Structure formats: C-alpha cells, structure tokens
Amino acid sequence: MNAIKTVFLLVLLSGLFLVLGYAVGGQVGLVVALVFSLGMNLFSYWFSDKLALKMTGAKEVTPDQEPHLHRIVDEVSAMAGMPKPKVYLIQNDAPNAFATGRNAKHSAVAATTGIMRILDDRELTAVLGHELGHVRNHDILVSAIVATVASAIMFIAFIGRWSLLFGFGRSRNGGGIIQLVAMLAMIILAPIAATMIRMAVSRQREYGADETGAHITHSPLALASALEKLETYSQARPMNVNPAVSHLFIVNPLRRARPQDEEEGGDMMMGFFGSDTFSTHPPIRKRIERLNDIARKMGSYS
C-alpha cells in the first residue's frame, strides 16, 4: 500500500510540474517541462547521492580513518544481508545521520561527529539499521526524485512570477484575464502543493525505515532511545544545511523544536492543516510509540 501511495504522489508531483510549465509557457512550456522533468529524473537516478553528500559537507572515510564507524556499518550490513554502503563523515556537532544512493549496490551512509559522540554502540547500530532500512525500502531514490522535482516546481514558479511582471504568457486574443488569474493561482499554489507532497512522502518513509531497521538489528528499543537523544540534542544544535536535503536525515536537522510542536505535529504547515500529514519528519513521540509496539510484538528487550 505504501508503494502505491508513493507512486501516486510521484505522479501527482510530476503532473504539477507539467501543469505549471503549461501555465507559464503554454504548449511550449509544457514540452520544455516534460523534457526537463525527464532530464531531472535521470539526473536524480545517477547523481543525486553525490549532490546530497556535497550539500551536507560529507566526506568519505576509510576504515583506517574511522575504524569504529566502519566496524558498526560492517555489522549492520551483515545483519541486513546487504552490500556494505560507502561510509561518510560530516564534521558537525549536531547529532544526525542519513542514507543516499540509487540502490543497495550504490548506496552511502553518512553520520555526523555529533551523533558518534552522544550515542552508545547499541544506539548507533540501531540508527545505522534505520538508514539501511531506507536503502532496503528503496526510499533513497524516491526521496531524491521528489526533492529534485519539487525544487524544480519552485524554480518554474519563480520564472512564472517574472514572466507575469514583464507581461509574458498572457493571451493576445483578448479576454486574457481568466488565463492570467489561472496562471497566478498555479504560480502560488503549485510550490505549496509540491512541498506538501514532498513532506508526505518523507513522513511515510521514516515510519517504514524505523520498522525495517528495528527488524534488521532486532533492537527497536535501542532505536527509540537513540531517537529520544537525537531529538533532545538537535533542538539545541540545529544543522546549517540546505532545506532541500533536510528530509534525508533521521531527525529534522533544521529547526529548534518547541514542546507544542510535538503535540501539533511539528511545523507551520502541519499546524495549518491540523495534522502531521505534511511534516517531513513524524513526531518523535509517535515514532517511539510505534517502536515500543514493535518491541512488544518481537518480544525484544533491547
């Protein structure tokens, strides 16, 4: 069911991109948007991991440079029965981690120096299990494509605003007010809709990776403990990263969460809609509750 929902959201996102291209440039804009969309998807497939790693300042490390991190990645990869991903380190005191790549054979995991400092081996193993859960669930490619297309929609909307300012895209046959209003509505609403779709996809993936990671490491309670620590420390030390890649991290790296955010679902968009549907990250409280349920079903005490 989650796969069907994801495909639907991806199709809807691509459709928004095409409609916005038509609103800005008519049939020519539609063709350009279609070609651009195909190009973006190809770029996302082959190069999104390199772009994400570069945008976060991650550097690949060897076993000699980071033997502790490599040892745990080796162990988790063996537990998952998956190829070992490349290992990257981010020099940042904020505790966080993410996975990227296009498939299990071409994947990478990145961890900050901060997360290695505050988590014990059991918790760090659980976090890396979560990240390999993203790889196993094919989330890393989906997230990259969603981020790329959503960013392109915002870029097209930016172009559309300038075209309105200079009078491009308006009907020359009279009665162009309806076309103008429709174009203006698309320019305003399409980026909002794209952001909402990106957030919805990301939220689903976090729940799925929590569950998959818990089964890989057989340590749902260790992951719950790690998430609780990460939430506390990330409030005090938000990361200075591009918002376009913020949804890749295991916990929201950007904002200082407020107590009421946890109850309301986490952000302004969510408060507006009255639920956590459009948050890039589900509330930590709900993730921990789900992990506790998984632990009871597994009979796990770690």
Protein backbone atom coordinates (compact mmCIF):
# COMPACT_ATOMS: atom_id res chain seq x y z
CA MET A 1 0.00 0.00 0.00
CA ASN A 2 2.85 2.42 0.83
CA ALA A 3 4.42 1.73 -2.57
CA ILE A 4 1.12 2.59 -4.29
CA LYS A 5 0.82 5.80 -2.29
CA THR A 6 4.38 6.77 -3.17
CA VAL A 7 3.86 6.15 -6.89
CA PHE A 8 0.64 8.19 -6.77
CA LEU A 9 2.38 11.10 -5.04
CA LEU A 10 5.30 10.99 -7.50
CA VAL A 11 2.90 11.03 -10.47
CA LEU A 12 0.96 13.88 -8.88
CA LEU A 13 4.17 15.83 -8.30
CA SER A 14 5.32 15.35 -11.89
CA GLY A 15 1.84 16.34 -13.08
CA LEU A 16 2.05 19.56 -11.09
CA PHE A 17 5.39 20.28 -12.74
CA LEU A 18 3.89 19.82 -16.22
CA VAL A 19 0.79 21.89 -15.45
CA LEU A 20 2.93 24.69 -14.07
CA GLY A 21 5.11 24.56 -17.19
CA TYR A 22 1.96 24.90 -19.34
CA ALA A 23 0.63 27.76 -17.20
CA VAL A 24 3.88 29.67 -17.59
CA GLY A 25 4.67 28.94 -21.25
CA GLY A 26 1.66 27.29 -22.90
CA GLN A 27 2.35 24.32 -25.15
CA VAL A 28 6.00 25.27 -25.46
CA GLY A 29 6.25 25.44 -21.67
CA LEU A 30 4.60 22.01 -21.41
CA VAL A 31 7.12 20.45 -23.78
CA VAL A 32 10.03 22.14 -22.00
CA ALA A 33 8.70 20.96 -18.62
CA LEU A 34 8.34 17.39 -19.92
CA VAL A 35 11.88 17.31 -21.29
CA PHE A 36 13.22 18.98 -18.16
CA SER A 37 11.33 16.51 -15.95
CA LEU A 38 12.80 13.51 -17.76
CA GLY A 39 16.25 15.05 -17.50
CA MET A 40 15.82 15.67 -13.78
CA ASN A 41 14.72 12.12 -13.13
CA LEU A 42 17.75 10.78 -14.99
CA PHE A 43 20.00 13.17 -13.07
CA SER A 44 18.38 12.12 -9.78
CA TYR A 45 18.97 8.45 -10.57
CA TRP A 46 22.64 8.79 -11.40
CA PHE A 47 23.91 11.76 -9.41
CA SER A 48 21.52 12.59 -6.54
CA ASP A 49 23.69 10.81 -3.98
CA LYS A 50 26.78 12.81 -4.91
CA LEU A 51 24.79 16.04 -4.81
CA ALA A 52 23.27 15.26 -1.41
CA LEU A 53 26.65 14.35 0.08
CA LYS A 54 28.23 17.51 -1.29
CA MET A 55 25.39 19.70 0.01
CA THR A 56 25.80 18.29 3.53
CA GLY A 57 29.59 18.53 3.59
CA ALA A 58 30.01 14.77 3.97
CA LYS A 59 33.48 13.30 3.29
CA GLU A 60 34.18 9.65 2.59
CA VAL A 61 36.30 7.97 5.27
CA THR A 62 38.35 4.78 5.17
CA PRO A 63 38.47 2.05 7.83
CA ASP A 64 41.84 3.41 8.92
CA GLN A 65 40.39 6.88 9.44
CA GLU A 66 37.18 5.80 11.21
CA PRO A 67 37.55 2.17 12.35
CA HIS A 68 34.71 2.42 14.90
CA LEU A 69 32.12 3.68 12.40
CA HIS A 70 33.23 1.20 9.74
CA ARG A 71 33.00 -1.70 12.19
CA ILE A 72 29.40 -0.90 13.05
CA VAL A 73 28.47 -0.41 9.38
CA ASP A 74 30.05 -3.80 8.65
CA GLU A 75 28.00 -5.43 11.40
CA VAL A 76 24.70 -3.84 10.34
CA SER A 77 25.29 -4.68 6.67
CA ALA A 78 25.87 -8.32 7.66
CA MET A 79 22.69 -8.31 9.75
CA ALA A 80 20.73 -6.94 6.80
CA GLY A 81 22.37 -9.27 4.27
CA MET A 82 23.11 -6.24 2.10
CA PRO A 83 26.23 -4.89 0.39
CA LYS A 84 28.20 -2.54 2.61
CA PRO A 85 27.48 1.09 1.67
CA LYS A 86 30.18 3.70 1.37
CA VAL A 87 30.83 5.44 4.69
CA TYR A 88 30.90 9.21 5.06
CA LEU A 89 31.52 11.52 7.99
CA ILE A 90 30.14 15.03 8.50
CA GLN A 91 32.18 17.31 10.74
CA ASN A 92 29.26 18.74 12.70
CA ASP A 93 28.41 18.72 16.40
CA ALA A 94 24.69 18.30 15.63
CA PRO A 95 23.83 14.59 16.00
CA ASN A 96 22.29 13.19 12.82
CA ALA A 97 22.68 10.66 10.01
CA PHE A 98 21.25 9.85 6.59
CA ALA A 99 21.49 7.41 3.69
CA THR A 100 21.55 8.15 -0.01
CA GLY A 101 22.22 6.47 -3.35
CA ARG A 102 20.22 4.81 -6.12
CA ASN A 103 20.16 1.18 -4.92
CA ALA A 104 21.74 -1.23 -2.47
CA LYS A 105 24.85 -1.68 -4.61
CA HIS A 106 25.33 2.07 -4.99
CA SER A 107 24.50 3.50 -1.58
CA ALA A 108 26.15 5.54 1.13
CA VAL A 109 25.55 6.29 4.79
CA ALA A 110 26.71 9.48 6.45
CA ALA A 111 26.95 10.25 10.15
CA THR A 112 27.91 13.43 11.95
CA THR A 113 30.68 13.60 14.51
CA GLY A 114 28.00 14.71 16.95
CA ILE A 115 25.97 11.51 16.68
CA MET A 116 29.03 9.38 17.27
CA ARG A 117 29.75 11.33 20.43
CA ILE A 118 26.35 11.06 22.13
CA LEU A 119 25.18 7.54 21.17
CA ASP A 120 26.49 4.28 22.56
CA ASP A 121 27.29 1.37 20.22
CA ARG A 122 23.86 -0.22 20.68
CA GLU A 123 22.07 3.02 19.72
CA LEU A 124 24.41 3.83 16.84
CA THR A 125 23.88 0.32 15.47
CA ALA A 126 20.11 0.89 15.61
CA VAL A 127 20.41 4.24 13.80
CA LEU A 128 22.51 2.71 11.04
CA GLY A 129 19.95 -0.09 10.84
CA HIS A 130 17.33 2.60 10.23
CA GLU A 131 19.45 4.06 7.43
CA LEU A 132 19.93 0.67 5.79
CA GLY A 133 16.18 0.29 6.16
CA HIS A 134 15.84 3.28 3.84
CA VAL A 135 18.14 1.52 1.36
CA ARG A 136 16.22 -1.76 1.56
CA ASN A 137 12.88 0.05 1.14
CA HIS A 138 14.18 1.94 -1.93
CA ASP A 139 13.47 5.24 -0.17
CA ILE A 140 16.76 6.87 -1.07
CA LEU A 141 15.98 7.11 -4.79
CA VAL A 142 12.35 8.13 -4.23
CA SER A 143 13.36 10.90 -1.84
CA ALA A 144 15.95 12.22 -4.28
CA ILE A 145 13.48 12.36 -7.18
CA VAL A 146 10.82 14.02 -5.04
CA ALA A 147 13.28 16.64 -3.81
CA THR A 148 14.55 17.35 -7.32
CA VAL A 149 11.11 17.72 -8.93
CA ALA A 150 9.74 19.75 -6.03
CA SER A 151 12.69 22.12 -6.24
CA ALA A 152 12.16 22.46 -10.00
CA ILE A 153 8.50 23.36 -9.44
CA MET A 154 9.58 26.18 -7.15
CA PHE A 155 12.09 27.33 -9.76
CA ILE A 156 9.44 27.33 -12.52
CA ALA A 157 7.11 29.29 -10.23
CA PHE A 158 9.90 31.83 -9.75
CA ILE A 159 10.22 32.18 -13.53
CA GLY A 160 6.44 32.48 -13.80
CA ARG A 161 6.37 35.41 -11.39
CA TRP A 162 8.93 37.24 -13.52
CA SER A 163 7.02 36.41 -16.71
CA LEU A 164 3.89 37.95 -15.19
CA LEU A 165 5.85 41.02 -14.20
CA PHE A 166 7.03 41.56 -17.78
CA GLY A 167 3.77 40.51 -19.43
CA PHE A 168 4.90 37.19 -20.90
CA GLY A 169 2.47 34.29 -21.13
CA ARG A 170 -0.66 36.48 -21.34
CA SER A 171 -3.26 35.92 -24.01
CA ARG A 172 -3.01 38.24 -27.01
CA ASN A 173 -6.54 37.46 -28.23
CA GLY A 174 -8.38 39.49 -25.64
CA GLY A 175 -10.15 38.18 -22.58
CA GLY A 176 -6.86 37.12 -21.08
CA ILE A 177 -7.96 37.84 -17.52
CA ILE A 178 -9.02 34.22 -16.89
CA GLN A 179 -5.71 32.89 -18.18
CA LEU A 180 -3.88 35.45 -16.08
CA VAL A 181 -5.77 34.50 -12.91
CA ALA A 182 -5.25 30.78 -13.57
CA MET A 183 -1.55 31.30 -14.14
CA LEU A 184 -1.22 33.37 -10.99
CA ALA A 185 -3.06 30.70 -8.97
CA MET A 186 -0.76 27.97 -10.29
CA ILE A 187 2.35 30.01 -9.55
CA ILE A 188 1.22 30.49 -5.95
CA LEU A 189 -0.33 27.10 -5.23
CA ALA A 190 1.96 24.70 -7.12
CA PRO A 191 5.03 25.24 -4.89
CA ILE A 192 2.85 24.80 -1.79
CA ALA A 193 1.38 21.58 -3.17
CA ALA A 194 4.85 20.34 -4.15
CA THR A 195 6.16 20.97 -0.65
CA MET A 196 3.19 19.17 0.88
CA ILE A 197 3.72 16.13 -1.36
CA ARG A 198 7.45 16.04 -0.59
CA MET A 199 6.70 16.15 3.11
CA ALA A 200 4.04 13.43 2.87
CA VAL A 201 6.41 11.06 1.06
CA SER A 202 9.22 11.72 3.54
CA ARG A 203 6.99 11.12 6.56
CA GLN A 204 5.84 7.73 5.28
CA ARG A 205 9.42 6.69 4.61
CA GLU A 206 10.59 7.48 8.15
CA TYR A 207 7.97 5.22 9.71
CA GLY A 208 8.88 2.45 7.28
CA ALA A 209 12.62 2.76 7.88
CA ASP A 210 12.08 2.69 11.66
CA GLU A 211 10.25 -0.62 11.34
CA THR A 212 12.66 -2.15 8.83
CA GLY A 213 15.68 -1.02 10.85
CA ALA A 214 14.21 -2.46 14.04
CA HIS A 215 13.86 -5.86 12.36
CA ILE A 216 17.37 -5.69 10.86
CA THR A 217 19.08 -5.05 14.21
CA HIS A 218 16.43 -6.70 16.43
CA SER A 219 16.76 -3.61 18.65
CA PRO A 220 13.62 -1.44 18.39
CA LEU A 221 14.09 -0.08 21.90
CA ALA A 222 17.67 0.94 21.13
CA LEU A 223 16.39 2.93 18.15
CA ALA A 224 13.71 4.51 20.35
CA SER A 225 16.39 5.50 22.87
CA ALA A 226 18.55 6.94 20.08
CA LEU A 227 15.66 8.97 18.65
CA GLU A 228 14.93 10.43 22.06
CA LYS A 229 18.55 11.54 22.45
CA LEU A 230 18.72 12.90 18.91
CA GLU A 231 15.55 14.94 19.41
CA THR A 232 16.89 16.50 22.60
CA TYR A 233 20.31 17.36 21.21
CA SER A 234 19.07 18.51 17.78
CA GLN A 235 16.85 21.10 19.45
CA ALA A 236 19.93 22.69 20.96
CA ARG A 237 22.17 22.21 17.90
CA PRO A 238 20.27 22.59 14.60
CA MET A 239 22.37 21.97 11.49
CA ASN A 240 23.09 24.61 8.89
CA VAL A 241 22.10 22.56 5.82
CA ASN A 242 20.12 23.26 2.68
CA PRO A 243 16.39 22.62 3.34
CA ALA A 244 16.27 20.64 0.08
CA VAL A 245 18.13 17.77 1.79
CA SER A 246 16.74 18.14 5.31
CA HIS A 247 14.21 15.34 4.79
CA LEU A 248 17.02 12.83 4.24
CA PHE A 249 18.17 12.95 7.87
CA ILE A 250 16.87 10.63 10.58
CA VAL A 251 15.61 13.63 12.60
CA ASN A 252 14.80 17.14 11.43
CA PRO A 253 18.17 18.92 11.31
CA LEU A 254 16.92 22.47 10.86
CA ARG A 255 14.66 23.92 13.47
CA ARG A 256 14.61 24.21 17.22
CA ALA A 257 11.51 22.24 18.11
CA ARG A 258 9.09 23.64 20.66
CA PRO A 259 7.19 21.44 23.12
CA GLN A 260 3.87 22.19 21.42
CA ASP A 261 5.31 21.12 18.06
CA GLU A 262 5.41 17.53 19.26
CA GLU A 263 1.72 17.67 20.07
CA GLU A 264 0.67 19.56 16.96
CA GLY A 265 2.80 17.56 14.56
CA GLY A 266 5.89 19.67 14.17
CA ASP A 267 5.70 22.63 11.81
CA MET A 268 3.71 25.54 10.43
CA MET A 269 2.30 23.54 7.52
CA MET A 270 1.09 20.88 9.87
CA GLY A 271 -0.47 23.37 12.23
CA PHE A 272 -2.38 24.89 9.32
CA PHE A 273 -3.86 21.54 8.29
CA GLY A 274 -4.38 20.29 11.85
CA SER A 275 -2.40 17.05 11.48
CA ASP A 276 1.11 15.73 10.96
CA THR A 277 0.40 14.69 7.36
CA PHE A 278 2.73 17.24 5.80
CA SER A 279 5.65 17.15 8.19
CA THR A 280 8.97 15.99 6.72
CA HIS A 281 9.57 14.04 9.93
CA PRO A 282 6.91 12.38 12.07
CA PRO A 283 6.81 13.47 15.73
CA ILE A 284 9.46 11.60 17.70
CA ARG A 285 6.83 10.68 20.29
CA LYS A 286 4.81 8.80 17.68
CA ARG A 287 7.87 7.07 16.28
CA ILE A 288 8.86 5.89 19.77
CA GLU A 289 5.32 4.64 20.42
CA ARG A 290 5.45 2.60 17.21
CA LEU A 291 8.87 1.19 18.12
CA ASN A 292 7.57 0.20 21.54
CA ASP A 293 4.72 -1.66 19.84
CA ILE A 294 7.20 -3.40 17.55
CA ALA A 295 9.29 -4.40 20.57
CA ARG A 296 6.27 -5.95 22.27
CA LYS A 297 5.41 -7.94 19.16
CA MET A 298 9.01 -9.08 18.75
CA GLY A 299 9.41 -9.83 22.46
CA SER A 300 12.50 -7.64 22.32
CA TYR A 301 14.09 -6.08 25.39
CA SER A 302 16.86 -4.12 23.63
